[in-house]
């Protein structure tokens, strides 16, 4: 995968990342170092599942994954941080929401999911 063009210093202070429509299929695991990242837009890429590094972002509030090819949300016991408030999953291949969605229900204020 190509680099995101973010220096190490920026990774620690970055709060918003917009990677819409870039044809991405994965994210570098180093994205987990973006401990201040609050909003990430990965809409209209080619993800088949939620990148595992996103589960390690302690300040993440908004995650947009609309228009990918995601068919499942969680695997191997991974769950989102309790700070996630908005999860956008419209136009994916989800047929149902997993029971694990309740692990973020305390903080989740908006869940957007529609059928393709």
N, C-alpha and C. Protein backbone atom coordinates (compact mmCIF):
# COMPACT_ATOMS: atom_id res chain seq x y z
N UNK A 1 0.83 -1.18 0.00
CA UNK A 1 0.00 0.00 0.00
C UNK A 1 0.87 1.23 0.00
N UNK A 2 0.43 2.26 -0.66
CA UNK A 2 1.19 3.50 -0.69
C UNK A 2 1.14 4.17 0.67
N UNK A 3 2.16 4.99 0.98
CA UNK A 3 2.19 5.70 2.24
C UNK A 3 1.14 6.79 2.27
N UNK A 4 0.76 7.19 3.45
CA UNK A 4 -0.25 8.23 3.59
C UNK A 4 0.35 9.62 3.57
N UNK A 5 1.68 9.72 3.55
CA UNK A 5 2.32 11.03 3.50
C UNK A 5 2.20 11.80 4.79
N UNK A 6 2.18 11.12 5.90
CA UNK A 6 2.05 11.76 7.21
C UNK A 6 3.34 11.52 7.98
N UNK A 7 3.94 12.60 8.44
CA UNK A 7 5.18 12.44 9.20
C UNK A 7 4.88 11.88 10.58
N UNK A 8 5.91 11.37 11.25
CA UNK A 8 5.72 10.83 12.60
C UNK A 8 5.17 11.87 13.55
N UNK A 9 5.65 13.11 13.46
CA UNK A 9 5.16 14.17 14.34
C UNK A 9 3.68 14.43 14.11
N UNK A 10 3.25 14.42 12.84
CA UNK A 10 1.85 14.67 12.53
C UNK A 10 0.96 13.53 13.01
N UNK A 11 1.46 12.34 13.01
CA UNK A 11 0.65 11.20 13.44
C UNK A 11 0.18 11.36 14.87
N UNK A 12 0.97 11.98 15.70
CA UNK A 12 0.60 12.11 17.11
C UNK A 12 -0.36 13.27 17.37
N UNK A 13 -0.39 14.29 16.50
CA UNK A 13 -1.26 15.43 16.74
C UNK A 13 -2.44 15.49 15.78
N UNK A 14 -2.50 14.63 14.80
CA UNK A 14 -3.55 14.61 13.80
C UNK A 14 -4.90 14.34 14.46
N UNK A 15 -5.92 15.17 14.15
CA UNK A 15 -7.25 14.94 14.72
C UNK A 15 -8.29 14.57 13.67
N UNK A 16 -8.08 14.96 12.41
CA UNK A 16 -9.01 14.66 11.33
C UNK A 16 -8.24 14.09 10.15
N UNK A 17 -8.74 13.00 9.59
CA UNK A 17 -8.10 12.38 8.43
C UNK A 17 -9.18 12.02 7.42
N UNK A 18 -9.09 12.59 6.23
CA UNK A 18 -10.06 12.34 5.17
C UNK A 18 -9.38 11.60 4.03
N UNK A 19 -9.73 10.32 3.87
CA UNK A 19 -9.16 9.48 2.82
C UNK A 19 -10.26 8.91 1.92
N UNK A 20 -11.32 9.68 1.74
CA UNK A 20 -12.45 9.26 0.89
C UNK A 20 -12.00 8.99 -0.53
N UNK A 21 -12.52 7.91 -1.10
CA UNK A 21 -12.37 7.64 -2.52
C UNK A 21 -10.95 7.48 -3.02
N UNK A 22 -10.07 6.94 -2.21
CA UNK A 22 -8.67 6.80 -2.60
C UNK A 22 -8.34 5.38 -3.08
N UNK A 23 -9.32 4.50 -3.15
CA UNK A 23 -9.08 3.14 -3.61
C UNK A 23 -8.32 2.28 -2.62
N UNK A 24 -8.36 2.65 -1.35
CA UNK A 24 -7.62 1.91 -0.32
C UNK A 24 -8.26 0.57 -0.01
N UNK A 25 -7.42 -0.42 0.24
CA UNK A 25 -7.89 -1.73 0.67
C UNK A 25 -7.41 -2.04 2.08
N UNK A 26 -6.45 -1.25 2.56
CA UNK A 26 -5.91 -1.44 3.91
C UNK A 26 -5.32 -0.13 4.40
N UNK A 27 -5.02 -0.11 5.68
CA UNK A 27 -4.33 1.03 6.29
C UNK A 27 -3.05 0.53 6.93
N UNK A 28 -2.03 1.37 6.99
CA UNK A 28 -0.81 0.93 7.68
C UNK A 28 -1.10 0.77 9.17
N UNK A 29 -0.54 -0.26 9.76
CA UNK A 29 -0.77 -0.50 11.18
C UNK A 29 -0.29 0.68 12.02
N UNK A 30 0.64 1.46 11.50
CA UNK A 30 1.18 2.62 12.23
C UNK A 30 0.12 3.69 12.49
N UNK A 31 -1.03 3.60 11.83
CA UNK A 31 -2.09 4.58 12.07
C UNK A 31 -2.51 4.54 13.54
N UNK A 32 -2.26 3.43 14.21
CA UNK A 32 -2.62 3.31 15.63
C UNK A 32 -1.86 4.33 16.49
N UNK A 33 -0.76 4.90 15.95
CA UNK A 33 0.00 5.91 16.68
C UNK A 33 -0.67 7.27 16.67
N UNK A 34 -1.71 7.42 15.89
CA UNK A 34 -2.44 8.69 15.82
C UNK A 34 -3.40 8.77 17.00
N UNK A 35 -2.85 8.90 18.17
CA UNK A 35 -3.64 8.82 19.41
C UNK A 35 -4.61 9.99 19.58
N UNK A 36 -4.43 11.07 18.83
CA UNK A 36 -5.33 12.22 18.91
C UNK A 36 -6.39 12.21 17.82
N UNK A 37 -6.35 11.23 16.93
CA UNK A 37 -7.28 11.17 15.80
C UNK A 37 -8.71 11.00 16.31
N UNK A 38 -9.57 11.95 15.94
CA UNK A 38 -10.96 11.95 16.39
C UNK A 38 -11.95 11.61 15.27
N UNK A 39 -11.63 12.00 14.05
CA UNK A 39 -12.54 11.81 12.93
C UNK A 39 -11.76 11.25 11.75
N UNK A 40 -12.23 10.13 11.21
CA UNK A 40 -11.60 9.54 10.03
C UNK A 40 -12.67 9.15 9.03
N UNK A 41 -12.47 9.57 7.80
CA UNK A 41 -13.41 9.26 6.72
C UNK A 41 -12.72 8.35 5.72
N UNK A 42 -13.16 7.11 5.69
CA UNK A 42 -12.63 6.09 4.78
C UNK A 42 -13.71 5.66 3.78
N UNK A 43 -14.67 6.53 3.54
CA UNK A 43 -15.78 6.22 2.65
C UNK A 43 -15.31 6.02 1.21
N UNK A 44 -16.03 5.17 0.50
CA UNK A 44 -15.84 4.94 -0.92
C UNK A 44 -14.41 4.53 -1.26
N UNK A 45 -13.95 3.52 -0.54
CA UNK A 45 -12.69 2.85 -0.82
C UNK A 45 -13.01 1.40 -1.15
N UNK A 46 -12.12 0.50 -0.88
CA UNK A 46 -12.35 -0.91 -1.23
C UNK A 46 -12.10 -1.84 -0.04
N UNK A 47 -12.43 -1.38 1.16
CA UNK A 47 -12.23 -2.20 2.35
C UNK A 47 -13.23 -3.36 2.37
N UNK A 48 -12.74 -4.54 2.71
CA UNK A 48 -13.59 -5.72 2.87
C UNK A 48 -14.01 -5.91 4.32
N UNK A 49 -13.22 -5.34 5.22
CA UNK A 49 -13.50 -5.38 6.66
C UNK A 49 -12.97 -4.10 7.27
N UNK A 50 -13.31 -3.87 8.51
CA UNK A 50 -12.83 -2.69 9.21
C UNK A 50 -11.34 -2.90 9.53
N UNK A 51 -10.48 -1.99 9.12
CA UNK A 51 -9.05 -2.14 9.42
C UNK A 51 -8.80 -2.27 10.92
N UNK A 52 -8.07 -3.30 11.31
CA UNK A 52 -7.87 -3.60 12.74
C UNK A 52 -7.19 -2.47 13.50
N UNK A 53 -6.36 -1.69 12.85
CA UNK A 53 -5.67 -0.59 13.54
C UNK A 53 -6.64 0.45 14.08
N UNK A 54 -7.83 0.55 13.47
CA UNK A 54 -8.81 1.54 13.93
C UNK A 54 -9.33 1.23 15.32
N UNK A 55 -9.27 -0.03 15.71
CA UNK A 55 -9.75 -0.43 17.02
C UNK A 55 -8.83 0.06 18.14
N UNK A 56 -7.66 0.55 17.78
CA UNK A 56 -6.67 0.97 18.76
C UNK A 56 -6.59 2.49 18.90
N UNK A 57 -7.50 3.22 18.30
CA UNK A 57 -7.47 4.67 18.37
C UNK A 57 -8.30 5.14 19.56
N UNK A 58 -7.64 5.60 20.61
CA UNK A 58 -8.35 5.90 21.87
C UNK A 58 -9.25 7.11 21.84
N UNK A 59 -9.06 8.04 20.88
CA UNK A 59 -9.86 9.26 20.87
C UNK A 59 -10.88 9.29 19.73
N UNK A 60 -11.00 8.20 18.96
CA UNK A 60 -11.85 8.19 17.78
C UNK A 60 -13.32 8.42 18.15
N UNK A 61 -13.91 9.43 17.51
CA UNK A 61 -15.30 9.80 17.76
C UNK A 61 -16.17 9.48 16.55
N UNK A 62 -15.66 9.75 15.34
CA UNK A 62 -16.42 9.54 14.11
C UNK A 62 -15.64 8.66 13.16
N UNK A 63 -16.29 7.61 12.67
CA UNK A 63 -15.69 6.71 11.69
C UNK A 63 -16.68 6.52 10.54
N UNK A 64 -16.28 7.00 9.36
CA UNK A 64 -17.12 6.87 8.17
C UNK A 64 -16.54 5.81 7.26
N UNK A 65 -17.31 4.76 7.02
CA UNK A 65 -16.90 3.65 6.16
C UNK A 65 -17.95 3.38 5.08
N UNK A 66 -18.73 4.38 4.73
CA UNK A 66 -19.76 4.23 3.71
C UNK A 66 -19.14 3.80 2.38
N UNK A 67 -19.90 3.02 1.61
CA UNK A 67 -19.52 2.72 0.24
C UNK A 67 -18.29 1.87 0.06
N UNK A 68 -18.04 0.96 0.97
CA UNK A 68 -16.96 -0.01 0.82
C UNK A 68 -17.59 -1.37 0.51
N UNK A 69 -16.89 -2.43 0.77
CA UNK A 69 -17.43 -3.77 0.54
C UNK A 69 -17.39 -4.58 1.84
N UNK A 70 -17.61 -3.90 2.94
CA UNK A 70 -17.52 -4.51 4.27
C UNK A 70 -18.69 -5.46 4.50
N UNK A 71 -18.35 -6.70 4.86
CA UNK A 71 -19.41 -7.69 5.12
C UNK A 71 -19.47 -8.09 6.59
N UNK A 72 -18.46 -7.71 7.38
CA UNK A 72 -18.51 -7.96 8.82
C UNK A 72 -17.73 -6.87 9.54
N UNK A 73 -18.11 -6.60 10.78
CA UNK A 73 -17.50 -5.50 11.53
C UNK A 73 -16.37 -5.92 12.44
N UNK A 74 -16.59 -6.98 13.20
CA UNK A 74 -15.65 -7.36 14.24
C UNK A 74 -15.10 -8.75 13.97
N UNK A 75 -13.84 -8.93 14.32
CA UNK A 75 -13.25 -10.27 14.26
C UNK A 75 -12.21 -10.39 15.36
N UNK A 76 -11.96 -11.60 15.76
CA UNK A 76 -10.92 -11.88 16.75
C UNK A 76 -11.07 -11.08 18.04
N UNK A 77 -12.30 -10.83 18.45
CA UNK A 77 -12.53 -10.16 19.72
C UNK A 77 -12.24 -8.68 19.74
N UNK A 78 -12.02 -8.05 18.58
CA UNK A 78 -11.74 -6.63 18.54
C UNK A 78 -13.02 -5.83 18.74
N UNK A 79 -12.94 -4.77 19.50
CA UNK A 79 -14.07 -3.87 19.68
C UNK A 79 -13.56 -2.44 19.65
N UNK A 80 -14.42 -1.52 19.25
CA UNK A 80 -14.04 -0.12 19.19
C UNK A 80 -13.88 0.46 20.59
N UNK A 81 -13.15 1.55 20.66
CA UNK A 81 -13.00 2.24 21.94
C UNK A 81 -14.37 2.80 22.34
N UNK A 82 -14.51 3.10 23.59
CA UNK A 82 -15.80 3.58 24.10
C UNK A 82 -16.04 5.04 23.76
N UNK A 83 -15.14 5.69 23.02
CA UNK A 83 -15.33 7.08 22.63
C UNK A 83 -16.09 7.24 21.33
N UNK A 84 -16.27 6.16 20.56
CA UNK A 84 -16.91 6.24 19.26
C UNK A 84 -18.37 6.67 19.40
N UNK A 85 -18.72 7.79 18.75
CA UNK A 85 -20.07 8.32 18.82
C UNK A 85 -20.84 8.17 17.51
N UNK A 86 -20.13 8.15 16.39
CA UNK A 86 -20.79 8.08 15.09
C UNK A 86 -20.10 7.05 14.21
N UNK A 87 -20.85 6.05 13.78
CA UNK A 87 -20.34 4.99 12.93
C UNK A 87 -21.20 4.95 11.68
N UNK A 88 -20.58 5.25 10.52
CA UNK A 88 -21.30 5.30 9.25
C UNK A 88 -20.93 4.09 8.41
N UNK A 89 -21.91 3.27 8.10
CA UNK A 89 -21.68 2.01 7.39
C UNK A 89 -22.59 1.83 6.18
N UNK A 90 -23.19 2.89 5.70
CA UNK A 90 -24.14 2.79 4.59
C UNK A 90 -23.45 2.26 3.34
N UNK A 91 -24.20 1.52 2.54
CA UNK A 91 -23.75 1.02 1.25
C UNK A 91 -22.52 0.11 1.36
N UNK A 92 -22.63 -0.87 2.21
CA UNK A 92 -21.65 -1.94 2.35
C UNK A 92 -22.36 -3.26 2.10
N UNK A 93 -21.75 -4.34 2.48
CA UNK A 93 -22.34 -5.67 2.26
C UNK A 93 -22.77 -6.32 3.57
N UNK A 94 -23.09 -5.52 4.55
CA UNK A 94 -23.53 -6.05 5.83
C UNK A 94 -24.95 -6.59 5.69
N UNK A 95 -25.18 -7.76 6.25
CA UNK A 95 -26.53 -8.31 6.25
C UNK A 95 -27.17 -8.18 7.63
N UNK A 96 -26.34 -7.97 8.64
CA UNK A 96 -26.84 -7.75 10.00
C UNK A 96 -25.73 -7.09 10.81
N UNK A 97 -26.10 -6.60 11.96
CA UNK A 97 -25.12 -6.03 12.87
C UNK A 97 -24.79 -7.07 13.93
N UNK A 98 -23.53 -7.22 14.26
CA UNK A 98 -23.14 -8.26 15.22
C UNK A 98 -23.52 -7.87 16.65
N UNK A 99 -23.60 -8.87 17.51
CA UNK A 99 -23.91 -8.63 18.91
C UNK A 99 -22.89 -7.70 19.56
N UNK A 100 -21.65 -7.74 19.07
CA UNK A 100 -20.59 -6.91 19.65
C UNK A 100 -20.84 -5.41 19.52
N UNK A 101 -21.81 -5.03 18.69
CA UNK A 101 -22.13 -3.61 18.54
C UNK A 101 -22.55 -3.02 19.89
N UNK A 102 -23.04 -3.87 20.78
CA UNK A 102 -23.45 -3.39 22.10
C UNK A 102 -22.26 -2.94 22.95
N UNK A 103 -21.04 -3.33 22.59
CA UNK A 103 -19.87 -2.90 23.36
C UNK A 103 -19.62 -1.41 23.21
N UNK A 104 -20.16 -0.80 22.16
CA UNK A 104 -19.98 0.64 21.99
C UNK A 104 -21.30 1.39 22.15
N UNK A 105 -22.34 0.69 22.55
CA UNK A 105 -23.65 1.33 22.62
C UNK A 105 -23.73 2.43 23.67
N UNK A 106 -22.87 2.39 24.67
CA UNK A 106 -22.88 3.44 25.69
C UNK A 106 -22.48 4.79 25.14
N UNK A 107 -21.56 4.82 24.19
CA UNK A 107 -21.09 6.09 23.64
C UNK A 107 -21.69 6.38 22.27
N UNK A 108 -22.13 5.36 21.55
CA UNK A 108 -22.61 5.53 20.19
C UNK A 108 -23.91 6.31 20.16
N UNK A 109 -23.90 7.44 19.45
CA UNK A 109 -25.08 8.29 19.34
C UNK A 109 -25.71 8.19 17.96
N UNK A 110 -24.90 7.79 16.96
CA UNK A 110 -25.41 7.72 15.61
C UNK A 110 -24.81 6.51 14.89
N UNK A 111 -25.67 5.66 14.37
CA UNK A 111 -25.27 4.50 13.59
C UNK A 111 -26.04 4.58 12.28
N UNK A 112 -25.29 4.69 11.18
CA UNK A 112 -25.92 4.81 9.87
C UNK A 112 -25.56 3.58 9.07
N UNK A 113 -26.58 2.80 8.72
CA UNK A 113 -26.37 1.57 7.97
C UNK A 113 -27.59 1.34 7.08
N UNK A 114 -27.35 1.15 5.80
CA UNK A 114 -28.43 0.84 4.87
C UNK A 114 -27.99 -0.29 3.97
N UNK A 115 -28.94 -0.92 3.33
CA UNK A 115 -28.61 -1.99 2.39
C UNK A 115 -28.15 -1.40 1.08
N UNK A 116 -27.30 -2.15 0.40
CA UNK A 116 -26.81 -1.73 -0.92
C UNK A 116 -27.84 -2.07 -1.96
